[in-house]
Amino acid sequence: MTDRESLRKRAEQAIAAYPDTMEGMGAPEPINVLDILRLYLTNALRNHQRSKPISPGNKRFMHSFGAEGVPCKDLLEFLEFVYNEVREDLFANMEVALADELGYWCVAPA
């Protein structure tokens, strides 16, 4: 989480995977990544029932944890975040596009 080279590589992979979303983003600073993680954990712990799911395509999330969180999957799961798949068939009749979101990260139910 604090190794600058790993942070740079994760950011480059996210930028390559999502060039439009990540345009202009450089490598994150370690303190910023830890602060983002603190924010996600604090939000989940304060009110687990109202904790919002984290889109793997979220710019701040990808900047800190890599494309869709995959490079930090082990850490996120250790911290009891789970990745939930969104079934596209549930949204077939909606006029809202889901973009590329096929799932989301959230804190595992207690």
C-alpha atoms as a PDB file:
ATOM      1  CA  MET A   1       0.000   0.000   0.000  1.00  0.00           C
ATOM      2  CA  THR A   2       2.926   2.342   0.519  1.00  0.00           C
ATOM      3  CA  ASP A   3       5.485   1.066  -1.988  1.00  0.00           C
ATOM      4  CA  ARG A   4       5.802   3.858  -4.548  1.00  0.00           C
ATOM      5  CA  GLU A   5       6.771   1.516  -7.383  1.00  0.00           C
ATOM      6  CA  SER A   6       3.735  -0.713  -6.787  1.00  0.00           C
ATOM      7  CA  LEU A   7       1.495   2.347  -6.603  1.00  0.00           C
ATOM      8  CA  ARG A   8       2.909   3.637  -9.884  1.00  0.00           C
ATOM      9  CA  LYS A   9       2.375   0.268 -11.614  1.00  0.00           C
ATOM     10  CA  ARG A  10      -1.202  -0.037 -10.332  1.00  0.00           C
ATOM     11  CA  ALA A  11      -1.970   3.502 -11.502  1.00  0.00           C
ATOM     12  CA  GLU A  12      -0.468   2.818 -14.934  1.00  0.00           C
ATOM     13  CA  GLN A  13      -2.552  -0.358 -15.287  1.00  0.00           C
ATOM     14  CA  ALA A  14      -5.720   1.525 -14.312  1.00  0.00           C
ATOM     15  CA  ILE A  15      -4.915   4.323 -16.765  1.00  0.00           C
ATOM     16  CA  ALA A  16      -4.292   1.775 -19.537  1.00  0.00           C
ATOM     17  CA  ALA A  17      -7.541  -0.061 -18.766  1.00  0.00           C
ATOM     18  CA  TYR A  18      -9.671   3.102 -18.411  1.00  0.00           C
ATOM     19  CA  PRO A  19      -7.917   5.907 -20.316  1.00  0.00           C
ATOM     20  CA  ASP A  20     -10.967   8.202 -20.482  1.00  0.00           C
ATOM     21  CA  THR A  21     -11.804   7.880 -16.797  1.00  0.00           C
ATOM     22  CA  MET A  22      -8.220   8.110 -15.570  1.00  0.00           C
ATOM     23  CA  GLU A  23      -7.039  10.868 -17.897  1.00  0.00           C
ATOM     24  CA  GLY A  24      -4.486  13.146 -16.255  1.00  0.00           C
ATOM     25  CA  MET A  25      -3.954  10.928 -13.214  1.00  0.00           C
ATOM     26  CA  GLY A  26      -0.419  10.207 -12.088  1.00  0.00           C
ATOM     27  CA  ALA A  27       0.838   7.837  -9.442  1.00  0.00           C
ATOM     28  CA  PRO A  28      -0.887   8.336  -6.088  1.00  0.00           C
ATOM     29  CA  GLU A  29       1.019   9.288  -2.970  1.00  0.00           C
ATOM     30  CA  PRO A  30       1.167   6.561  -0.284  1.00  0.00           C
ATOM     31  CA  ILE A  31      -0.427   8.825   2.327  1.00  0.00           C
ATOM     32  CA  ASN A  32      -3.370   9.470   0.002  1.00  0.00           C
ATOM     33  CA  VAL A  33      -3.922   5.757  -0.611  1.00  0.00           C
ATOM     34  CA  LEU A  34      -3.919   5.089   3.132  1.00  0.00           C
ATOM     35  CA  ASP A  35      -6.317   7.979   3.662  1.00  0.00           C
ATOM     36  CA  ILE A  36      -8.724   6.605   1.038  1.00  0.00           C
ATOM     37  CA  LEU A  37      -8.576   3.186   2.693  1.00  0.00           C
ATOM     38  CA  ARG A  38      -9.219   4.808   6.069  1.00  0.00           C
ATOM     39  CA  LEU A  39     -12.238   6.601   4.615  1.00  0.00           C
ATOM     40  CA  TYR A  40     -13.746   3.407   3.176  1.00  0.00           C
ATOM     41  CA  LEU A  41     -13.190   1.542   6.453  1.00  0.00           C
ATOM     42  CA  THR A  42     -14.555   4.369   8.590  1.00  0.00           C
ATOM     43  CA  ASN A  43     -17.682   4.653   6.459  1.00  0.00           C
ATOM     44  CA  ALA A  44     -18.257   0.912   6.640  1.00  0.00           C
ATOM     45  CA  LEU A  45     -17.707   0.699  10.400  1.00  0.00           C
ATOM     46  CA  ARG A  46     -19.732   3.746  11.424  1.00  0.00           C
ATOM     47  CA  ASN A  47     -22.928   2.635   9.794  1.00  0.00           C
ATOM     48  CA  HIS A  48     -22.642  -0.760   8.194  1.00  0.00           C
ATOM     49  CA  GLN A  49     -26.302  -0.754   7.120  1.00  0.00           C
ATOM     50  CA  ARG A  50     -25.917   2.493   5.154  1.00  0.00           C
ATOM     51  CA  SER A  51     -22.407   1.859   3.862  1.00  0.00           C
ATOM     52  CA  LYS A  52     -22.469   2.449   0.111  1.00  0.00           C
ATOM     53  CA  PRO A  53     -21.046  -0.086  -2.315  1.00  0.00           C
ATOM     54  CA  ILE A  54     -17.813   0.944  -4.005  1.00  0.00           C
ATOM     55  CA  SER A  55     -17.866   0.843  -7.780  1.00  0.00           C
ATOM     56  CA  PRO A  56     -14.709  -0.831  -9.106  1.00  0.00           C
ATOM     57  CA  GLY A  57     -14.771   1.838 -11.822  1.00  0.00           C
ATOM     58  CA  ASN A  58     -14.668   4.662  -9.267  1.00  0.00           C
ATOM     59  CA  LYS A  59     -11.797   6.968 -10.195  1.00  0.00           C
ATOM     60  CA  ARG A  60     -10.514   7.401  -6.630  1.00  0.00           C
ATOM     61  CA  PHE A  61     -10.827   3.662  -5.957  1.00  0.00           C
ATOM     62  CA  MET A  62      -8.898   2.707  -9.110  1.00  0.00           C
ATOM     63  CA  HIS A  63      -6.265   5.371  -8.508  1.00  0.00           C
ATOM     64  CA  SER A  64      -5.594   3.879  -5.070  1.00  0.00           C
ATOM     65  CA  PHE A  65      -6.189   0.144  -5.580  1.00  0.00           C
ATOM     66  CA  GLY A  66      -5.674  -0.431  -9.303  1.00  0.00           C
ATOM     67  CA  ALA A  67      -8.081  -1.342 -12.083  1.00  0.00           C
ATOM     68  CA  GLU A  68     -11.263  -2.665 -10.483  1.00  0.00           C
ATOM     69  CA  GLY A  69      -9.357  -3.316  -7.247  1.00  0.00           C
ATOM     70  CA  VAL A  70      -7.886  -6.541  -8.640  1.00  0.00           C
ATOM     71  CA  PRO A  71      -4.255  -5.766  -7.687  1.00  0.00           C
ATOM     72  CA  CYS A  72      -5.359  -5.268  -4.047  1.00  0.00           C
ATOM     73  CA  LYS A  73      -7.976  -8.027  -3.969  1.00  0.00           C
ATOM     74  CA  ASP A  74      -6.208  -9.992  -1.219  1.00  0.00           C
ATOM     75  CA  LEU A  75      -5.945  -6.949   1.048  1.00  0.00           C
ATOM     76  CA  LEU A  76      -9.547  -5.887   0.422  1.00  0.00           C
ATOM     77  CA  GLU A  77     -10.792  -9.401   1.190  1.00  0.00           C
ATOM     78  CA  PHE A  78      -8.592  -9.586   4.304  1.00  0.00           C
ATOM     79  CA  LEU A  79     -10.333  -6.387   5.469  1.00  0.00           C
ATOM     80  CA  GLU A  80     -13.661  -8.191   4.834  1.00  0.00           C
ATOM     81  CA  PHE A  81     -14.636  -6.392   1.676  1.00  0.00           C
ATOM     82  CA  VAL A  82     -16.318  -8.655  -0.845  1.00  0.00           C
ATOM     83  CA  TYR A  83     -16.844  -8.273  -4.562  1.00  0.00           C
ATOM     84  CA  ASN A  84     -20.451  -8.813  -5.638  1.00  0.00           C
ATOM     85  CA  GLU A  85     -21.401  -9.468  -9.215  1.00  0.00           C
ATOM     86  CA  VAL A  86     -24.294  -7.475 -10.624  1.00  0.00           C
ATOM     87  CA  ARG A  87     -26.562  -9.544 -12.797  1.00  0.00           C
ATOM     88  CA  GLU A  88     -27.218  -7.613 -15.992  1.00  0.00           C
ATOM     89  CA  ASP A  89     -30.532  -9.416 -16.534  1.00  0.00           C
ATOM     90  CA  LEU A  90     -31.916  -7.639 -13.462  1.00  0.00           C
ATOM     91  CA  PHE A  91     -31.504  -4.330 -15.277  1.00  0.00           C
ATOM     92  CA  ALA A  92     -32.699  -5.424 -18.731  1.00  0.00           C
ATOM     93  CA  ASN A  93     -35.864  -3.291 -18.640  1.00  0.00           C
ATOM     94  CA  MET A  94     -34.216  -0.174 -17.258  1.00  0.00           C
ATOM     95  CA  GLU A  95     -33.353   2.694 -19.573  1.00  0.00           C
ATOM     96  CA  VAL A  96     -30.283   3.573 -17.515  1.00  0.00           C
ATOM     97  CA  ALA A  97     -27.018   2.255 -18.915  1.00  0.00           C
ATOM     98  CA  LEU A  98     -24.840   0.368 -16.483  1.00  0.00           C
ATOM     99  CA  ALA A  99     -21.691   1.480 -18.309  1.00  0.00           C
ATOM    100  CA  ASP A 100     -19.012  -1.088 -17.551  1.00  0.00           C
ATOM    101  CA  GLU A 101     -20.058  -1.769 -13.982  1.00  0.00           C
ATOM    102  CA  LEU A 102     -20.507  -5.478 -13.554  1.00  0.00           C
ATOM    103  CA  GLY A 103     -20.136  -5.545  -9.815  1.00  0.00           C
ATOM    104  CA  TYR A 104     -19.094  -3.627  -6.736  1.00  0.00           C
ATOM    105  CA  TRP A 105     -17.010  -3.888  -3.580  1.00  0.00           C
ATOM    106  CA  CYS A 106     -18.688  -3.671  -0.186  1.00  0.00           C
ATOM    107  CA  VAL A 107     -18.100  -4.738   3.393  1.00  0.00           C
ATOM    108  CA  ALA A 108     -19.109  -8.331   4.038  1.00  0.00           C
ATOM    109  CA  PRO A 109     -22.347  -8.695   6.015  1.00  0.00           C
ATOM    110  CA  ALA A 110     -21.759  -9.200   9.736  1.00  0.00           C
END
